[in-house]
Amino acid sequence: MTTGPSRIFDEFAKLMTDAAGAAQGMKREAETMLHSQTERVLNGLDLVKREEFEAVREMAIKARDENDALKARIEALEAQLAAKG
């Protein structure tokens, strides 16, 4: 069994190790709470997720392309009717 200053240093080292472990645990708990709070706030803001935004964006691009094609087709048909008439 150790005595004197060596024992004091051992006890101090053990105390510091325990304190570091407790601090890490509190840090993890604080991060978890912050993450939960942030997620709750963002869900309350009714924001769109990136995947949903990209899907709708692709649909809009496709619809715009189809619109342009239909417009060109209508113009061609109108030109044919004008040429006949």
PDB file of N, CA and C in Angstrom:
ATOM      1  N   MET A   1       0.842  -1.177   0.000  1.00  0.00           N
ATOM      2  CA  MET A   1       0.000   0.000   0.000  1.00  0.00           C
ATOM      3  C   MET A   1       0.882   1.234   0.000  1.00  0.00           C
ATOM      4  N   THR A   2       0.519   2.196  -0.815  1.00  0.00           N
ATOM      5  CA  THR A   2       1.341   3.402  -0.919  1.00  0.00           C
ATOM      6  C   THR A   2       0.983   4.360   0.189  1.00  0.00           C
ATOM      7  N   THR A   3       1.970   5.138   0.593  1.00  0.00           N
ATOM      8  CA  THR A   3       1.740   6.109   1.656  1.00  0.00           C
ATOM      9  C   THR A   3       2.368   7.426   1.264  1.00  0.00           C
ATOM     10  N   GLY A   4       2.002   8.445   1.963  1.00  0.00           N
ATOM     11  CA  GLY A   4       2.614   9.738   1.783  1.00  0.00           C
ATOM     12  C   GLY A   4       2.206  10.419   0.492  1.00  0.00           C
ATOM     13  N   PRO A   5       3.159  11.200  -0.066  1.00  0.00           N
ATOM     14  CA  PRO A   5       2.866  11.995  -1.262  1.00  0.00           C
ATOM     15  C   PRO A   5       2.456  11.133  -2.468  1.00  0.00           C
ATOM     16  N   SER A   6       3.010   9.930  -2.568  1.00  0.00           N
ATOM     17  CA  SER A   6       2.668   9.059  -3.688  1.00  0.00           C
ATOM     18  C   SER A   6       1.181   8.706  -3.665  1.00  0.00           C
ATOM     19  N   ARG A   7       0.665   8.424  -2.514  1.00  0.00           N
ATOM     20  CA  ARG A   7      -0.755   8.080  -2.387  1.00  0.00           C
ATOM     21  C   ARG A   7      -1.620   9.289  -2.726  1.00  0.00           C
ATOM     22  N   ILE A   8      -1.199  10.451  -2.295  1.00  0.00           N
ATOM     23  CA  ILE A   8      -1.954  11.678  -2.595  1.00  0.00           C
ATOM     24  C   ILE A   8      -2.008  11.882  -4.110  1.00  0.00           C
ATOM     25  N   PHE A   9      -0.879  11.690  -4.789  1.00  0.00           N
ATOM     26  CA  PHE A   9      -0.853  11.844  -6.249  1.00  0.00           C
ATOM     27  C   PHE A   9      -1.728  10.795  -6.934  1.00  0.00           C
ATOM     28  N   ASP A  10      -1.712   9.570  -6.403  1.00  0.00           N
ATOM     29  CA  ASP A  10      -2.570   8.522  -6.976  1.00  0.00           C
ATOM     30  C   ASP A  10      -4.046   8.889  -6.825  1.00  0.00           C
ATOM     31  N   GLU A  11      -4.421   9.352  -5.658  1.00  0.00           N
ATOM     32  CA  GLU A  11      -5.806   9.751  -5.425  1.00  0.00           C
ATOM     33  C   GLU A  11      -6.182  10.939  -6.305  1.00  0.00           C
ATOM     34  N   PHE A  12      -5.271  11.881  -6.441  1.00  0.00           N
ATOM     35  CA  PHE A  12      -5.523  13.053  -7.284  1.00  0.00           C
ATOM     36  C   PHE A  12      -5.686  12.623  -8.748  1.00  0.00           C
ATOM     37  N   ALA A  13      -4.842  11.719  -9.216  1.00  0.00           N
ATOM     38  CA  ALA A  13      -4.933  11.223 -10.587  1.00  0.00           C
ATOM     39  C   ALA A  13      -6.269  10.507 -10.808  1.00  0.00           C
ATOM     40  N   LYS A  14      -6.678   9.716  -9.824  1.00  0.00           N
ATOM     41  CA  LYS A  14      -7.961   9.018  -9.932  1.00  0.00           C
ATOM     42  C   LYS A  14      -9.108  10.025  -9.967  1.00  0.00           C
ATOM     43  N   LEU A  15      -9.036  11.045  -9.141  1.00  0.00           N
ATOM     44  CA  LEU A  15     -10.058  12.082  -9.109  1.00  0.00           C
ATOM     45  C   LEU A  15     -10.135  12.806 -10.451  1.00  0.00           C
ATOM     46  N   MET A  16      -8.986  13.115 -11.047  1.00  0.00           N
ATOM     47  CA  MET A  16      -8.951  13.796 -12.342  1.00  0.00           C
ATOM     48  C   MET A  16      -9.512  12.895 -13.446  1.00  0.00           C
ATOM     49  N   THR A  17      -9.201  11.618 -13.389  1.00  0.00           N
ATOM     50  CA  THR A  17      -9.729  10.671 -14.384  1.00  0.00           C
ATOM     51  C   THR A  17     -11.243  10.592 -14.288  1.00  0.00           C
ATOM     52  N   ASP A  18     -11.748  10.496 -13.050  1.00  0.00           N
ATOM     53  CA  ASP A  18     -13.198  10.459 -12.845  1.00  0.00           C
ATOM     54  C   ASP A  18     -13.851  11.752 -13.312  1.00  0.00           C
ATOM     55  N   ALA A  19     -13.210  12.887 -13.038  1.00  0.00           N
ATOM     56  CA  ALA A  19     -13.761  14.180 -13.446  1.00  0.00           C
ATOM     57  C   ALA A  19     -13.786  14.291 -14.971  1.00  0.00           C
ATOM     58  N   ALA A  20     -12.736  13.801 -15.632  1.00  0.00           N
ATOM     59  CA  ALA A  20     -12.695  13.848 -17.097  1.00  0.00           C
ATOM     60  C   ALA A  20     -13.802  12.979 -17.688  1.00  0.00           C
ATOM     61  N   GLY A  21     -14.016  11.814 -17.107  1.00  0.00           N
ATOM     62  CA  GLY A  21     -15.098  10.945 -17.576  1.00  0.00           C
ATOM     63  C   GLY A  21     -16.454  11.594 -17.394  1.00  0.00           C
ATOM     64  N   ALA A  22     -16.647  12.234 -16.246  1.00  0.00           N
ATOM     65  CA  ALA A  22     -17.919  12.916 -15.983  1.00  0.00           C
ATOM     66  C   ALA A  22     -18.112  14.076 -16.960  1.00  0.00           C
ATOM     67  N   ALA A  23     -17.027  14.801 -17.232  1.00  0.00           N
ATOM     68  CA  ALA A  23     -17.116  15.924 -18.171  1.00  0.00           C
ATOM     69  C   ALA A  23     -17.473  15.436 -19.567  1.00  0.00           C
ATOM     70  N   GLN A  24     -16.897  14.309 -19.997  1.00  0.00           N
ATOM     71  CA  GLN A  24     -17.225  13.757 -21.307  1.00  0.00           C
ATOM     72  C   GLN A  24     -18.693  13.336 -21.363  1.00  0.00           C
ATOM     73  N   GLY A  25     -19.170  12.737 -20.289  1.00  0.00           N
ATOM     74  CA  GLY A  25     -20.573  12.337 -20.231  1.00  0.00           C
ATOM     75  C   GLY A  25     -21.506  13.542 -20.306  1.00  0.00           C
ATOM     76  N   MET A  26     -21.161  14.605 -19.598  1.00  0.00           N
ATOM     77  CA  MET A  26     -21.979  15.814 -19.636  1.00  0.00           C
ATOM     78  C   MET A  26     -21.931  16.441 -21.029  1.00  0.00           C
ATOM     79  N   LYS A  27     -20.757  16.379 -21.665  1.00  0.00           N
ATOM     80  CA  LYS A  27     -20.624  16.926 -23.018  1.00  0.00           C
ATOM     81  C   LYS A  27     -21.530  16.163 -23.988  1.00  0.00           C
ATOM     82  N   ARG A  28     -21.506  14.838 -23.903  1.00  0.00           N
ATOM     83  CA  ARG A  28     -22.368  14.023 -24.780  1.00  0.00           C
ATOM     84  C   ARG A  28     -23.840  14.331 -24.538  1.00  0.00           C
ATOM     85  N   GLU A  29     -24.206  14.457 -23.269  1.00  0.00           N
ATOM     86  CA  GLU A  29     -25.603  14.747 -22.938  1.00  0.00           C
ATOM     87  C   GLU A  29     -26.009  16.126 -23.453  1.00  0.00           C
ATOM     88  N   ALA A  30     -25.130  17.110 -23.313  1.00  0.00           N
ATOM     89  CA  ALA A  30     -25.424  18.460 -23.810  1.00  0.00           C
ATOM     90  C   ALA A  30     -25.558  18.452 -25.327  1.00  0.00           C
ATOM     91  N   GLU A  31     -24.677  17.726 -26.019  1.00  0.00           N
ATOM     92  CA  GLU A  31     -24.762  17.642 -27.474  1.00  0.00           C
ATOM     93  C   GLU A  31     -26.061  16.978 -27.910  1.00  0.00           C
ATOM     94  N   THR A  32     -26.467  15.933 -27.209  1.00  0.00           N
ATOM     95  CA  THR A  32     -27.713  15.241 -27.525  1.00  0.00           C
ATOM     96  C   THR A  32     -28.906  16.170 -27.318  1.00  0.00           C
ATOM     97  N   MET A  33     -28.915  16.900 -26.211  1.00  0.00           N
ATOM     98  CA  MET A  33     -30.007  17.836 -25.947  1.00  0.00           C
ATOM     99  C   MET A  33     -30.045  18.938 -27.004  1.00  0.00           C
ATOM    100  N   LEU A  34     -28.881  19.472 -27.360  1.00  0.00           N
ATOM    101  CA  LEU A  34     -28.811  20.530 -28.367  1.00  0.00           C
ATOM    102  C   LEU A  34     -29.309  20.015 -29.719  1.00  0.00           C
ATOM    103  N   HIS A  35     -28.896  18.800 -30.070  1.00  0.00           N
ATOM    104  CA  HIS A  35     -29.338  18.196 -31.333  1.00  0.00           C
ATOM    105  C   HIS A  35     -30.856  18.031 -31.343  1.00  0.00           C
ATOM    106  N   SER A  36     -31.412  17.549 -30.244  1.00  0.00           N
ATOM    107  CA  SER A  36     -32.863  17.355 -30.150  1.00  0.00           C
ATOM    108  C   SER A  36     -33.605  18.681 -30.245  1.00  0.00           C
ATOM    109  N   GLN A  37     -33.115  19.681 -29.538  1.00  0.00           N
ATOM    110  CA  GLN A  37     -33.754  21.007 -29.566  1.00  0.00           C
ATOM    111  C   GLN A  37     -33.692  21.598 -30.975  1.00  0.00           C
ATOM    112  N   THR A  38     -32.540  21.487 -31.618  1.00  0.00           N
ATOM    113  CA  THR A  38     -32.379  22.026 -32.967  1.00  0.00           C
ATOM    114  C   THR A  38     -33.305  21.325 -33.941  1.00  0.00           C
ATOM    115  N   GLU A  39     -33.384  20.004 -33.830  1.00  0.00           N
ATOM    116  CA  GLU A  39     -34.267  19.231 -34.709  1.00  0.00           C
ATOM    117  C   GLU A  39     -35.723  19.638 -34.491  1.00  0.00           C
ATOM    118  N   ARG A  40     -36.115  19.837 -33.250  1.00  0.00           N
ATOM    119  CA  ARG A  40     -37.488  20.239 -32.941  1.00  0.00           C
ATOM    120  C   ARG A  40     -37.801  21.612 -33.537  1.00  0.00           C
ATOM    121  N   VAL A  41     -36.865  22.550 -33.417  1.00  0.00           N
ATOM    122  CA  VAL A  41     -37.065  23.894 -33.973  1.00  0.00           C
ATOM    123  C   VAL A  41     -37.165  23.827 -35.495  1.00  0.00           C
ATOM    124  N   LEU A  42     -36.274  23.078 -36.126  1.00  0.00           N
ATOM    125  CA  LEU A  42     -36.300  22.977 -37.581  1.00  0.00           C
ATOM    126  C   LEU A  42     -37.584  22.308 -38.067  1.00  0.00           C
ATOM    127  N   ASN A  43     -38.054  21.303 -37.363  1.00  0.00           N
ATOM    128  CA  ASN A  43     -39.316  20.660 -37.741  1.00  0.00           C
ATOM    129  C   ASN A  43     -40.478  21.631 -37.594  1.00  0.00           C
ATOM    130  N   GLY A  44     -40.409  22.498 -36.622  1.00  0.00           N
ATOM    131  CA  GLY A  44     -41.459  23.489 -36.413  1.00  0.00           C
ATOM    132  C   GLY A  44     -41.463  24.569 -37.479  1.00  0.00           C
ATOM    133  N   LEU A  45     -40.338  24.778 -38.143  1.00  0.00           N
ATOM    134  CA  LEU A  45     -40.249  25.804 -39.185  1.00  0.00           C
ATOM    135  C   LEU A  45     -40.831  25.335 -40.510  1.00  0.00           C
ATOM    136  N   ASP A  46     -41.217  24.075 -40.602  1.00  0.00           N
ATOM    137  CA  ASP A  46     -41.820  23.517 -41.815  1.00  0.00           C
ATOM    138  C   ASP A  46     -40.879  23.684 -43.009  1.00  0.00           C
ATOM    139  N   LEU A  47     -39.625  23.329 -42.821  1.00  0.00           N
ATOM    140  CA  LEU A  47     -38.642  23.398 -43.896  1.00  0.00           C
ATOM    141  C   LEU A  47     -38.697  22.134 -44.745  1.00  0.00           C
ATOM    142  N   VAL A  48     -38.258  22.268 -45.975  1.00  0.00           N
ATOM    143  CA  VAL A  48     -38.249  21.140 -46.902  1.00  0.00           C
ATOM    144  C   VAL A  48     -36.882  20.472 -46.839  1.00  0.00           C
ATOM    145  N   LYS A  49     -36.883  19.148 -46.851  1.00  0.00           N
ATOM    146  CA  LYS A  49     -35.618  18.422 -46.850  1.00  0.00           C
ATOM    147  C   LYS A  49     -34.984  18.508 -48.229  1.00  0.00           C
ATOM    148  N   ARG A  50     -33.684  18.395 -48.279  1.00  0.00           N
ATOM    149  CA  ARG A  50     -32.935  18.528 -49.521  1.00  0.00           C
ATOM    150  C   ARG A  50     -33.430  17.537 -50.571  1.00  0.00           C
ATOM    151  N   GLU A  51     -33.676  16.288 -50.170  1.00  0.00           N
ATOM    152  CA  GLU A  51     -34.109  15.263 -51.120  1.00  0.00           C
ATOM    153  C   GLU A  51     -35.452  15.631 -51.744  1.00  0.00           C
ATOM    154  N   GLU A  52     -36.371  16.145 -50.918  1.00  0.00           N
ATOM    155  CA  GLU A  52     -37.676  16.542 -51.428  1.00  0.00           C
ATOM    156  C   GLU A  52     -37.549  17.714 -52.388  1.00  0.00           C
ATOM    157  N   PHE A  53     -36.702  18.671 -52.027  1.00  0.00           N
ATOM    158  CA  PHE A  53     -36.480  19.837 -52.883  1.00  0.00           C
ATOM    159  C   PHE A  53     -35.923  19.417 -54.239  1.00  0.00           C
ATOM    160  N   GLU A  54     -34.929  18.547 -54.217  1.00  0.00           N
ATOM    161  CA  GLU A  54     -34.319  18.100 -55.473  1.00  0.00           C
ATOM    162  C   GLU A  54     -35.322  17.347 -56.333  1.00  0.00           C
ATOM    163  N   ALA A  55     -36.184  16.537 -55.720  1.00  0.00           N
ATOM    164  CA  ALA A  55     -37.191  15.788 -56.479  1.00  0.00           C
ATOM    165  C   ALA A  55     -38.165  16.744 -57.159  1.00  0.00           C
ATOM    166  N   VAL A  56     -38.637  17.744 -56.428  1.00  0.00           N
ATOM    167  CA  VAL A  56     -39.570  18.712 -57.007  1.00  0.00           C
ATOM    168  C   VAL A  56     -38.868  19.548 -58.077  1.00  0.00           C
ATOM    169  N   ARG A  57     -37.619  19.872 -57.849  1.00  0.00           N
ATOM    170  CA  ARG A  57     -36.839  20.639 -58.843  1.00  0.00           C
ATOM    171  C   ARG A  57     -36.737  19.864 -60.151  1.00  0.00           C
ATOM    172  N   GLU A  58     -36.437  18.573 -60.056  1.00  0.00           N
ATOM    173  CA  GLU A  58     -36.350  17.740 -61.258  1.00  0.00           C
ATOM    174  C   GLU A  58     -37.698  17.660 -61.969  1.00  0.00           C
ATOM    175  N   MET A  59     -38.781  17.566 -61.199  1.00  0.00           N
ATOM    176  CA  MET A  59     -40.115  17.536 -61.803  1.00  0.00           C
ATOM    177  C   MET A  59     -40.401  18.849 -62.535  1.00  0.00           C
ATOM    178  N   ALA A  60     -40.004  19.970 -61.948  1.00  0.00           N
ATOM    179  CA  ALA A  60     -40.236  21.272 -62.570  1.00  0.00           C
ATOM    180  C   ALA A  60     -39.430  21.409 -63.864  1.00  0.00           C
ATOM    181  N   ILE A  61     -38.190  20.933 -63.852  1.00  0.00           N
ATOM    182  CA  ILE A  61     -37.362  20.981 -65.059  1.00  0.00           C
ATOM    183  C   ILE A  61     -37.997  20.142 -66.161  1.00  0.00           C
ATOM    184  N   LYS A  62     -38.450  18.955 -65.811  1.00  0.00           N
ATOM    185  CA  LYS A  62     -39.089  18.078 -66.793  1.00  0.00           C
ATOM    186  C   LYS A  62     -40.357  18.720 -67.341  1.00  0.00           C
ATOM    187  N   ALA A  63     -41.177  19.309 -66.475  1.00  0.00           N
ATOM    188  CA  ALA A  63     -42.409  19.963 -66.915  1.00  0.00           C
ATOM    189  C   ALA A  63     -42.099  21.140 -67.832  1.00  0.00           C
ATOM    190  N   ARG A  64     -41.066  21.896 -67.513  1.00  0.00           N
ATOM    191  CA  ARG A  64     -40.684  23.033 -68.347  1.00  0.00           C
ATOM    192  C   ARG A  64     -40.234  22.562 -69.729  1.00  0.00           C
ATOM    193  N   ASP A  65     -39.459  21.494 -69.767  1.00  0.00           N
ATOM    194  CA  ASP A  65     -39.013  20.941 -71.052  1.00  0.00           C
ATOM    195  C   ASP A  65     -40.199  20.451 -71.879  1.00  0.00           C
ATOM    196  N   GLU A  66     -41.140  19.768 -71.224  1.00  0.00           N
ATOM    197  CA  GLU A  66     -42.339  19.300 -71.929  1.00  0.00           C
ATOM    198  C   GLU A  66     -43.165  20.480 -72.432  1.00  0.00           C
ATOM    199  N   ASN A  67     -43.249  21.523 -71.641  1.00  0.00           N
ATOM    200  CA  ASN A  67     -43.970  22.732 -72.040  1.00  0.00           C
ATOM    201  C   ASN A  67     -43.342  23.355 -73.285  1.00  0.00           C
ATOM    202  N   ASP A  68     -42.021  23.448 -73.294  1.00  0.00           N
ATOM    203  CA  ASP A  68     -41.326  24.018 -74.453  1.00  0.00           C
ATOM    204  C   ASP A  68     -41.568  23.175 -75.703  1.00  0.00           C
ATOM    205  N   ALA A  69     -41.543  21.853 -75.549  1.00  0.00           N
ATOM    206  CA  ALA A  69     -41.780  20.967 -76.692  1.00  0.00           C
ATOM    207  C   ALA A  69     -43.203  21.130 -77.210  1.00  0.00           C
ATOM    208  N   LEU A  70     -44.171  21.219 -76.298  1.00  0.00           N
ATOM    209  CA  LEU A  70     -45.556  21.400 -76.720  1.00  0.00           C
ATOM    210  C   LEU A  70     -45.759  22.761 -77.390  1.00  0.00           C
ATOM    211  N   LYS A  71     -45.104  23.769 -76.880  1.00  0.00           N
ATOM    212  CA  LYS A  71     -45.201  25.105 -77.479  1.00  0.00           C
ATOM    213  C   LYS A  71     -44.665  25.084 -78.910  1.00  0.00           C
ATOM    214  N   ALA A  72     -43.537  24.436 -79.113  1.00  0.00           N
ATOM    215  CA  ALA A  72     -42.959  24.337 -80.455  1.00  0.00           C
ATOM    216  C   ALA A  72     -43.889  23.548 -81.379  1.00  0.00           C
ATOM    217  N   ARG A  73     -44.489  22.506 -80.860  1.00  0.00           N
ATOM    218  CA  ARG A  73     -45.413  21.701 -81.666  1.00  0.00           C
ATOM    219  C   ARG A  73     -46.653  22.510 -82.062  1.00  0.00           C
ATOM    220  N   ILE A  74     -47.187  23.281 -81.115  1.00  0.00           N
ATOM    221  CA  ILE A  74     -48.354  24.123 -81.414  1.00  0.00           C
ATOM    222  C   ILE A  74     -47.997  25.164 -82.466  1.00  0.00           C
ATOM    223  N   GLU A  75     -46.834  25.783 -82.330  1.00  0.00           N
ATOM    224  CA  GLU A  75     -46.405  26.789 -83.308  1.00  0.00           C
ATOM    225  C   GLU A  75     -46.265  26.171 -84.694  1.00  0.00           C
ATOM    226  N   ALA A  76     -45.753  24.947 -84.759  1.00  0.00           N
ATOM    227  CA  ALA A  76     -45.612  24.264 -86.053  1.00  0.00           C
ATOM    228  C   ALA A  76     -46.991  23.971 -86.652  1.00  0.00           C
ATOM    229  N   LEU A  77     -47.918  23.508 -85.824  1.00  0.00           N
ATOM    230  CA  LEU A  77     -49.272  23.224 -86.313  1.00  0.00           C
ATOM    231  C   LEU A  77     -49.956  24.501 -86.770  1.00  0.00           C
ATOM    232  N   GLU A  78     -49.772  25.583 -86.014  1.00  0.00           N
ATOM    233  CA  GLU A  78     -50.381  26.864 -86.411  1.00  0.00           C
ATOM    234  C   GLU A  78     -49.790  27.356 -87.733  1.00  0.00           C
ATOM    235  N   ALA A  79     -48.507  27.123 -87.926  1.00  0.00           N
ATOM    236  CA  ALA A  79     -47.874  27.528 -89.181  1.00  0.00           C
ATOM    237  C   ALA A  79     -48.434  26.707 -90.342  1.00  0.00           C
ATOM    238  N   GLN A  80     -48.663  25.416 -90.112  1.00  0.00           N
ATOM    239  CA  GLN A  80     -49.245  24.567 -91.154  1.00  0.00           C
ATOM    240  C   GLN A  80     -50.659  25.027 -91.501  1.00  0.00           C
ATOM    241  N   LEU A  81     -51.451  25.376 -90.477  1.00  0.00           N
ATOM    242  CA  LEU A  81     -52.820  25.854 -90.718  1.00  0.00           C
ATOM    243  C   LEU A  81     -52.807  27.189 -91.473  1.00  0.00           C
ATOM    244  N   ALA A  82     -51.889  28.065 -91.117  1.00  0.00           N
ATOM    245  CA  ALA A  82     -51.797  29.351 -91.788  1.00  0.00           C
ATOM    246  C   ALA A  82     -51.396  29.164 -93.256  1.00  0.00           C
ATOM    247  N   ALA A  83     -50.527  28.202 -93.521  1.00  0.00           N
ATOM    248  CA  ALA A  83     -50.085  27.952 -94.891  1.00  0.00           C
ATOM    249  C   ALA A  83     -51.220  27.378 -95.744  1.00  0.00           C
ATOM    250  N   LYS A  84     -52.091  26.600 -95.142  1.00  0.00           N
ATOM    251  CA  LYS A  84     -53.229  26.011 -95.876  1.00  0.00           C
ATOM    252  C   LYS A  84     -54.324  27.047 -96.117  1.00  0.00           C
ATOM    253  N   GLY A  85     -54.457  27.960 -95.166  1.00  0.00           N
ATOM    254  CA  GLY A  85     -55.567  28.891 -95.223  1.00  0.00           C
ATOM    255  C   GLY A  85     -55.297  30.114 -95.969  1.00  0.00           C
TER     256      GLY A  85
END
